[in-house]
Amino acid sequence: MDKLSGKAADLTRAEWRELGFYYVSHEDEKKWELHGSKNGLLKLCDLIKKFADENREYGDHEHLLPHWYLTLTALDSFSLDERGIGGTPEQLRNFAHFFQSKVFSSKVGSTSSVPKEAFSTDYGIEYTVQGDNFDPSSQDPQL
């Protein structure tokens, strides 16, 4: 994986900071790994709820910057897989509320998970709660 430089690196740093958390997919372990402050991780919940509230048509999706790997998708059943998170608006909202409560109850410095068995999905989520001054771009190996 090549390092980004110049404007591309600056733009990518800004996008991670705006997103509020860092994510990476581990296909071999079938999990998404997230790093962020509580507020940063809660932004994922906000993005999921916003997407659900838009009542998108089946198959419509939204890629989360900066690298566009994590995708929110309108589906007819809940899914957490190598593409990202999908489902009906109600299922997406339920997941967002579940994840929100997990993040709220997590302590700074802790690593917790939403195992794939929790929602009968292909992937799970492992997340680490960082301090308030955490910079998600610091985790990107391309920077």
N, C-alpha and C. Protein backbone atom coordinates (compact mmCIF):
# COMPACT_ATOMS: atom_id res chain seq x y z
N MET A 1 0.85 -1.17 0.00
CA MET A 1 0.00 0.00 0.00
C MET A 1 0.90 1.24 0.00
N ASP A 2 0.73 2.07 -0.99
CA ASP A 2 1.55 3.26 -1.12
C ASP A 2 1.07 4.36 -0.19
N LYS A 3 2.02 5.15 0.28
CA LYS A 3 1.71 6.31 1.11
C LYS A 3 1.15 7.43 0.23
N LEU A 4 0.18 8.12 0.77
CA LEU A 4 -0.34 9.31 0.11
C LEU A 4 0.54 10.50 0.50
N SER A 5 0.62 11.47 -0.36
CA SER A 5 1.40 12.66 -0.03
C SER A 5 0.70 13.90 -0.55
N GLY A 6 1.20 15.02 -0.12
CA GLY A 6 0.70 16.29 -0.60
C GLY A 6 -0.79 16.50 -0.34
N LYS A 7 -1.47 17.00 -1.38
CA LYS A 7 -2.89 17.33 -1.25
C LYS A 7 -3.74 16.10 -0.97
N ALA A 8 -3.39 14.96 -1.56
CA ALA A 8 -4.17 13.73 -1.33
C ALA A 8 -4.11 13.34 0.14
N ALA A 9 -2.94 13.44 0.75
CA ALA A 9 -2.80 13.11 2.17
C ALA A 9 -3.57 14.10 3.04
N ASP A 10 -3.47 15.37 2.71
CA ASP A 10 -4.19 16.40 3.48
C ASP A 10 -5.70 16.20 3.39
N LEU A 11 -6.18 15.92 2.19
CA LEU A 11 -7.61 15.69 2.00
C LEU A 11 -8.07 14.45 2.78
N THR A 12 -7.29 13.39 2.72
CA THR A 12 -7.64 12.15 3.42
C THR A 12 -7.67 12.38 4.93
N ARG A 13 -6.68 13.10 5.46
CA ARG A 13 -6.68 13.43 6.90
C ARG A 13 -7.94 14.19 7.28
N ALA A 14 -8.29 15.19 6.48
CA ALA A 14 -9.48 16.00 6.76
C ALA A 14 -10.75 15.14 6.71
N GLU A 15 -10.82 14.21 5.77
CA GLU A 15 -12.00 13.34 5.66
C GLU A 15 -12.13 12.41 6.86
N TRP A 16 -11.01 11.84 7.34
CA TRP A 16 -11.06 11.00 8.54
C TRP A 16 -11.54 11.82 9.74
N ARG A 17 -11.01 13.02 9.85
CA ARG A 17 -11.38 13.87 11.00
C ARG A 17 -12.85 14.26 10.94
N GLU A 18 -13.35 14.53 9.74
CA GLU A 18 -14.77 14.86 9.60
C GLU A 18 -15.65 13.64 9.91
N LEU A 19 -15.24 12.47 9.45
CA LEU A 19 -15.99 11.26 9.73
C LEU A 19 -16.02 11.00 11.23
N GLY A 20 -14.89 11.21 11.91
CA GLY A 20 -14.84 11.10 13.35
C GLY A 20 -14.30 9.79 13.89
N PHE A 21 -14.13 8.81 13.03
CA PHE A 21 -13.59 7.52 13.45
C PHE A 21 -12.84 6.90 12.27
N TYR A 22 -11.96 5.96 12.61
CA TYR A 22 -11.22 5.22 11.60
C TYR A 22 -11.83 3.83 11.48
N TYR A 23 -11.91 3.31 10.27
CA TYR A 23 -12.40 1.95 10.08
C TYR A 23 -11.50 1.19 9.12
N VAL A 24 -11.49 -0.13 9.32
CA VAL A 24 -10.80 -1.02 8.39
C VAL A 24 -11.51 -2.37 8.45
N SER A 25 -11.57 -3.05 7.34
CA SER A 25 -12.20 -4.37 7.27
C SER A 25 -11.13 -5.44 7.31
N HIS A 26 -11.40 -6.49 8.08
CA HIS A 26 -10.51 -7.65 8.13
C HIS A 26 -11.28 -8.84 7.57
N GLU A 27 -11.08 -9.12 6.29
CA GLU A 27 -11.82 -10.20 5.64
C GLU A 27 -11.54 -11.55 6.27
N ASP A 28 -10.29 -11.81 6.65
CA ASP A 28 -9.94 -13.10 7.22
C ASP A 28 -10.62 -13.34 8.58
N GLU A 29 -10.82 -12.27 9.34
CA GLU A 29 -11.47 -12.38 10.65
C GLU A 29 -12.97 -12.06 10.58
N LYS A 30 -13.41 -11.64 9.41
CA LYS A 30 -14.82 -11.28 9.18
C LYS A 30 -15.30 -10.26 10.23
N LYS A 31 -14.58 -9.13 10.24
CA LYS A 31 -14.98 -8.06 11.15
C LYS A 31 -14.55 -6.71 10.61
N TRP A 32 -15.27 -5.69 11.06
CA TRP A 32 -14.88 -4.31 10.86
C TRP A 32 -14.23 -3.85 12.15
N GLU A 33 -13.12 -3.17 12.04
CA GLU A 33 -12.42 -2.62 13.21
C GLU A 33 -12.59 -1.11 13.16
N LEU A 34 -13.07 -0.54 14.26
CA LEU A 34 -13.30 0.90 14.35
C LEU A 34 -12.48 1.48 15.50
N HIS A 35 -11.98 2.69 15.31
CA HIS A 35 -11.26 3.42 16.35
C HIS A 35 -11.81 4.84 16.37
N GLY A 36 -12.18 5.32 17.55
CA GLY A 36 -12.64 6.69 17.66
C GLY A 36 -12.95 7.06 19.09
N SER A 37 -13.06 8.34 19.33
CA SER A 37 -13.56 8.80 20.63
C SER A 37 -15.02 8.38 20.71
N LYS A 38 -15.63 8.52 21.88
CA LYS A 38 -17.06 8.19 21.98
C LYS A 38 -17.85 9.03 20.98
N ASN A 39 -17.58 10.32 20.94
CA ASN A 39 -18.31 11.19 20.00
C ASN A 39 -18.05 10.79 18.56
N GLY A 40 -16.83 10.39 18.25
CA GLY A 40 -16.50 9.97 16.89
C GLY A 40 -17.25 8.70 16.51
N LEU A 41 -17.26 7.70 17.40
CA LEU A 41 -17.97 6.45 17.12
C LEU A 41 -19.48 6.68 17.03
N LEU A 42 -19.97 7.62 17.82
CA LEU A 42 -21.41 7.91 17.77
C LEU A 42 -21.81 8.57 16.45
N LYS A 43 -20.84 9.14 15.74
CA LYS A 43 -21.14 9.69 14.41
C LYS A 43 -21.60 8.59 13.46
N LEU A 44 -21.06 7.38 13.63
CA LEU A 44 -21.52 6.26 12.80
C LEU A 44 -23.00 6.04 13.03
N CYS A 45 -23.43 6.08 14.28
CA CYS A 45 -24.86 5.91 14.59
C CYS A 45 -25.68 6.99 13.91
N ASP A 46 -25.20 8.22 13.98
CA ASP A 46 -25.91 9.34 13.34
C ASP A 46 -26.01 9.15 11.83
N LEU A 47 -24.92 8.69 11.22
CA LEU A 47 -24.93 8.46 9.77
C LEU A 47 -25.91 7.35 9.39
N ILE A 48 -25.93 6.29 10.18
CA ILE A 48 -26.86 5.18 9.91
C ILE A 48 -28.30 5.66 10.04
N LYS A 49 -28.60 6.40 11.11
CA LYS A 49 -29.97 6.90 11.32
C LYS A 49 -30.38 7.86 10.21
N LYS A 50 -29.45 8.73 9.81
CA LYS A 50 -29.75 9.67 8.72
C LYS A 50 -30.05 8.90 7.44
N PHE A 51 -29.24 7.91 7.14
CA PHE A 51 -29.45 7.09 5.94
C PHE A 51 -30.82 6.40 6.03
N ALA A 52 -31.14 5.83 7.18
CA ALA A 52 -32.43 5.14 7.37
C ALA A 52 -33.59 6.11 7.19
N ASP A 53 -33.45 7.32 7.70
CA ASP A 53 -34.53 8.32 7.62
C ASP A 53 -34.79 8.78 6.19
N GLU A 54 -33.82 8.58 5.31
CA GLU A 54 -34.00 8.98 3.91
C GLU A 54 -34.83 7.97 3.13
N ASN A 55 -35.13 6.82 3.75
CA ASN A 55 -36.01 5.81 3.14
C ASN A 55 -35.60 5.51 1.69
N ARG A 56 -34.37 5.12 1.52
CA ARG A 56 -33.83 4.88 0.18
C ARG A 56 -34.45 3.65 -0.47
N GLU A 57 -34.36 3.59 -1.79
CA GLU A 57 -34.84 2.43 -2.53
C GLU A 57 -33.87 1.27 -2.37
N TYR A 58 -34.38 0.06 -2.53
CA TYR A 58 -33.58 -1.15 -2.41
C TYR A 58 -32.32 -1.04 -3.27
N GLY A 59 -31.19 -1.34 -2.66
CA GLY A 59 -29.92 -1.32 -3.38
C GLY A 59 -29.20 0.02 -3.35
N ASP A 60 -29.92 1.08 -3.02
CA ASP A 60 -29.27 2.38 -2.95
C ASP A 60 -28.26 2.34 -1.81
N HIS A 61 -27.12 2.98 -1.99
CA HIS A 61 -26.08 2.90 -0.98
C HIS A 61 -25.29 4.20 -0.90
N GLU A 62 -24.55 4.31 0.18
CA GLU A 62 -23.72 5.48 0.42
C GLU A 62 -22.38 5.00 0.98
N HIS A 63 -21.30 5.43 0.35
CA HIS A 63 -19.95 5.08 0.80
C HIS A 63 -19.50 6.12 1.82
N LEU A 64 -18.86 5.66 2.89
CA LEU A 64 -18.34 6.57 3.89
C LEU A 64 -16.88 6.90 3.57
N LEU A 65 -16.60 8.17 3.45
CA LEU A 65 -15.25 8.63 3.14
C LEU A 65 -14.34 8.35 4.33
N PRO A 66 -13.05 8.29 4.14
CA PRO A 66 -12.36 8.75 2.96
C PRO A 66 -12.10 7.69 1.90
N HIS A 67 -11.95 6.43 2.25
CA HIS A 67 -11.56 5.44 1.24
C HIS A 67 -12.73 4.72 0.59
N TRP A 68 -13.94 5.01 1.01
CA TRP A 68 -15.15 4.46 0.41
C TRP A 68 -15.32 2.96 0.64
N TYR A 69 -14.65 2.37 1.63
CA TYR A 69 -14.78 0.93 1.86
C TYR A 69 -16.07 0.59 2.60
N LEU A 70 -16.38 1.36 3.63
CA LEU A 70 -17.56 1.08 4.45
C LEU A 70 -18.78 1.71 3.79
N THR A 71 -19.79 0.88 3.55
CA THR A 71 -20.96 1.31 2.79
C THR A 71 -22.23 1.07 3.59
N LEU A 72 -23.16 2.01 3.53
CA LEU A 72 -24.50 1.83 4.06
C LEU A 72 -25.40 1.53 2.87
N THR A 73 -26.24 0.48 2.99
CA THR A 73 -27.04 0.03 1.85
C THR A 73 -28.47 -0.24 2.28
N ALA A 74 -29.42 0.16 1.45
CA ALA A 74 -30.84 -0.15 1.66
C ALA A 74 -31.10 -1.57 1.16
N LEU A 75 -31.46 -2.46 2.09
CA LEU A 75 -31.72 -3.87 1.76
C LEU A 75 -33.03 -4.31 2.39
N ASP A 76 -33.49 -5.51 2.02
CA ASP A 76 -34.74 -6.00 2.61
C ASP A 76 -34.52 -6.82 3.88
N SER A 77 -33.24 -7.09 4.23
CA SER A 77 -32.94 -7.74 5.51
C SER A 77 -31.60 -7.23 6.02
N PHE A 78 -31.41 -7.26 7.33
CA PHE A 78 -30.21 -6.68 7.93
C PHE A 78 -28.97 -7.46 7.50
N SER A 79 -27.91 -6.73 7.22
CA SER A 79 -26.66 -7.32 6.79
C SER A 79 -25.49 -6.52 7.35
N LEU A 80 -24.50 -7.24 7.83
CA LEU A 80 -23.22 -6.66 8.21
C LEU A 80 -22.20 -7.59 7.58
N ASP A 81 -21.54 -7.10 6.53
CA ASP A 81 -20.66 -7.96 5.76
C ASP A 81 -19.44 -7.19 5.26
N GLU A 82 -18.74 -7.74 4.29
CA GLU A 82 -17.52 -7.12 3.79
C GLU A 82 -17.76 -5.76 3.15
N ARG A 83 -18.98 -5.49 2.71
CA ARG A 83 -19.31 -4.18 2.12
C ARG A 83 -19.62 -3.15 3.19
N GLY A 84 -20.29 -3.60 4.26
CA GLY A 84 -20.67 -2.65 5.29
C GLY A 84 -21.96 -3.06 5.97
N ILE A 85 -22.83 -2.08 6.19
CA ILE A 85 -24.05 -2.26 6.97
C ILE A 85 -25.24 -1.99 6.07
N GLY A 86 -26.21 -2.89 6.08
CA GLY A 86 -27.39 -2.72 5.25
C GLY A 86 -28.64 -3.23 5.94
N GLY A 87 -29.78 -2.82 5.42
CA GLY A 87 -31.04 -3.30 5.96
C GLY A 87 -32.17 -2.35 5.64
N THR A 88 -33.33 -2.66 6.22
CA THR A 88 -34.48 -1.78 6.10
C THR A 88 -34.26 -0.58 7.01
N PRO A 89 -35.01 0.49 6.82
CA PRO A 89 -34.85 1.64 7.72
C PRO A 89 -35.00 1.25 9.20
N GLU A 90 -35.99 0.44 9.51
CA GLU A 90 -36.21 0.04 10.90
C GLU A 90 -35.04 -0.78 11.44
N GLN A 91 -34.53 -1.71 10.64
CA GLN A 91 -33.39 -2.53 11.06
C GLN A 91 -32.14 -1.68 11.25
N LEU A 92 -31.93 -0.73 10.38
CA LEU A 92 -30.77 0.15 10.50
C LEU A 92 -30.87 1.00 11.75
N ARG A 93 -32.06 1.54 12.02
CA ARG A 93 -32.25 2.33 13.24
C ARG A 93 -32.03 1.48 14.48
N ASN A 94 -32.56 0.25 14.47
CA ASN A 94 -32.37 -0.65 15.62
C ASN A 94 -30.89 -0.93 15.85
N PHE A 95 -30.16 -1.18 14.78
CA PHE A 95 -28.72 -1.42 14.92
C PHE A 95 -28.02 -0.18 15.46
N ALA A 96 -28.36 0.99 14.92
CA ALA A 96 -27.73 2.24 15.37
C ALA A 96 -27.98 2.46 16.86
N HIS A 97 -29.21 2.21 17.33
CA HIS A 97 -29.52 2.38 18.75
C HIS A 97 -28.75 1.36 19.60
N PHE A 98 -28.65 0.13 19.12
CA PHE A 98 -27.90 -0.91 19.82
C PHE A 98 -26.43 -0.50 19.94
N PHE A 99 -25.83 -0.11 18.83
CA PHE A 99 -24.41 0.27 18.84
C PHE A 99 -24.20 1.51 19.70
N GLN A 100 -25.11 2.44 19.63
CA GLN A 100 -25.04 3.66 20.44
C GLN A 100 -24.99 3.31 21.93
N SER A 101 -25.85 2.40 22.37
CA SER A 101 -25.87 2.04 23.79
C SER A 101 -24.57 1.33 24.18
N LYS A 102 -24.00 0.52 23.26
CA LYS A 102 -22.72 -0.14 23.53
C LYS A 102 -21.61 0.90 23.70
N VAL A 103 -21.58 1.88 22.81
CA VAL A 103 -20.53 2.90 22.88
C VAL A 103 -20.68 3.72 24.15
N PHE A 104 -21.92 4.13 24.49
CA PHE A 104 -22.15 4.91 25.70
C PHE A 104 -21.64 4.20 26.94
N SER A 105 -21.79 2.88 27.00
CA SER A 105 -21.39 2.13 28.19
C SER A 105 -19.93 1.70 28.18
N SER A 106 -19.20 1.99 27.12
CA SER A 106 -17.80 1.62 27.01
C SER A 106 -16.91 2.67 27.67
N LYS A 107 -15.80 2.21 28.21
CA LYS A 107 -14.84 3.12 28.85
C LYS A 107 -13.74 3.49 27.86
N VAL A 108 -13.22 4.69 28.02
CA VAL A 108 -12.09 5.13 27.19
C VAL A 108 -10.95 4.14 27.38
N GLY A 109 -10.36 3.73 26.28
CA GLY A 109 -9.26 2.78 26.30
C GLY A 109 -9.70 1.34 26.14
N SER A 110 -11.01 1.12 26.17
CA SER A 110 -11.50 -0.26 26.07
C SER A 110 -11.76 -0.65 24.62
N THR A 111 -11.65 -1.94 24.38
CA THR A 111 -12.01 -2.52 23.09
C THR A 111 -13.17 -3.47 23.33
N SER A 112 -14.24 -3.29 22.58
CA SER A 112 -15.44 -4.11 22.72
C SER A 112 -15.86 -4.57 21.34
N SER A 113 -16.91 -5.38 21.31
CA SER A 113 -17.35 -5.87 20.01
C SER A 113 -18.86 -6.05 19.94
N VAL A 114 -19.31 -6.06 18.72
CA VAL A 114 -20.65 -6.51 18.37
C VAL A 114 -20.40 -7.77 17.56
N PRO A 115 -20.50 -8.94 18.21
CA PRO A 115 -20.19 -10.17 17.50
C PRO A 115 -21.21 -10.45 16.40
N LYS A 116 -20.78 -11.16 15.38
CA LYS A 116 -21.68 -11.45 14.26
C LYS A 116 -22.91 -12.22 14.72
N GLU A 117 -22.80 -12.97 15.81
CA GLU A 117 -23.95 -13.71 16.33
C GLU A 117 -25.04 -12.80 16.89
N ALA A 118 -24.67 -11.57 17.28
CA ALA A 118 -25.65 -10.64 17.86
C ALA A 118 -26.77 -10.30 16.88
N PHE A 119 -26.44 -10.28 15.59
CA PHE A 119 -27.43 -9.95 14.57
C PHE A 119 -27.49 -11.01 13.47
N SER A 120 -26.90 -12.16 13.72
CA SER A 120 -26.86 -13.25 12.72
C SER A 120 -26.33 -12.74 11.38
N THR A 121 -25.15 -12.12 11.42
CA THR A 121 -24.56 -11.54 10.22
C THR A 121 -23.24 -12.23 9.90
N ASP A 122 -22.71 -11.93 8.72
CA ASP A 122 -21.44 -12.51 8.29
C ASP A 122 -20.24 -11.89 9.02
N TYR A 123 -20.37 -10.63 9.39
CA TYR A 123 -19.28 -9.89 10.02
C TYR A 123 -19.71 -9.38 11.39
N GLY A 124 -18.72 -9.10 12.22
CA GLY A 124 -18.92 -8.41 13.48
C GLY A 124 -18.22 -7.06 13.43
N ILE A 125 -18.31 -6.33 14.52
CA ILE A 125 -17.62 -5.05 14.65
C ILE A 125 -16.82 -5.09 15.94
N GLU A 126 -15.55 -4.74 15.85
CA GLU A 126 -14.71 -4.56 17.03
C GLU A 126 -14.37 -3.07 17.07
N TYR A 127 -14.57 -2.45 18.22
CA TYR A 127 -14.31 -1.02 18.30
C TYR A 127 -13.51 -0.69 19.54
N THR A 128 -12.63 0.29 19.39
CA THR A 128 -11.81 0.78 20.49
C THR A 128 -12.19 2.23 20.74
N VAL A 129 -12.52 2.51 22.00
CA VAL A 129 -12.89 3.87 22.39
C VAL A 129 -11.61 4.62 22.80
N GLN A 130 -11.31 5.64 22.06
CA GLN A 130 -10.13 6.47 22.30
C GLN A 130 -10.54 7.71 23.09
N GLY A 131 -9.54 8.48 23.50
CA GLY A 131 -9.80 9.74 24.21
C GLY A 131 -10.40 10.79 23.30
N ASP A 132 -10.86 11.86 23.91
CA ASP A 132 -11.53 12.93 23.16
C ASP A 132 -10.66 13.59 22.11
N ASN A 133 -9.35 13.59 22.30
CA ASN A 133 -8.45 14.26 21.34
C ASN A 133 -7.93 13.32 20.26
N PHE A 134 -8.54 12.14 20.14
CA PHE A 134 -8.09 11.15 19.16
C PHE A 134 -8.26 11.66 17.73
N ASP A 135 -7.23 11.47 16.94
CA ASP A 135 -7.26 11.84 15.52
C ASP A 135 -7.37 10.55 14.71
N PRO A 136 -8.55 10.27 14.11
CA PRO A 136 -8.72 9.02 13.37
C PRO A 136 -7.75 8.84 12.22
N SER A 137 -7.24 9.94 11.68
CA SER A 137 -6.29 9.81 10.56
C SER A 137 -4.97 9.19 11.01
N SER A 138 -4.72 9.21 12.31
CA SER A 138 -3.46 8.65 12.83
C SER A 138 -3.39 7.13 12.65
N GLN A 139 -4.52 6.48 12.38
CA GLN A 139 -4.56 5.04 12.21
C GLN A 139 -4.38 4.61 10.75
N ASP A 140 -4.49 5.55 9.83
CA ASP A 140 -4.45 5.21 8.40
C ASP A 140 -3.00 4.93 7.97
N PRO A 141 -2.70 3.70 7.56
CA PRO A 141 -1.32 3.37 7.17
C PRO A 141 -0.87 4.06 5.88
N GLN A 142 -1.79 4.68 5.16
CA GLN A 142 -1.40 5.39 3.94
C GLN A 142 -0.95 6.81 4.21
N LEU A 143 -1.09 7.24 5.48
CA LEU A 143 -0.70 8.63 5.82
C LEU A 143 0.61 8.66 6.59
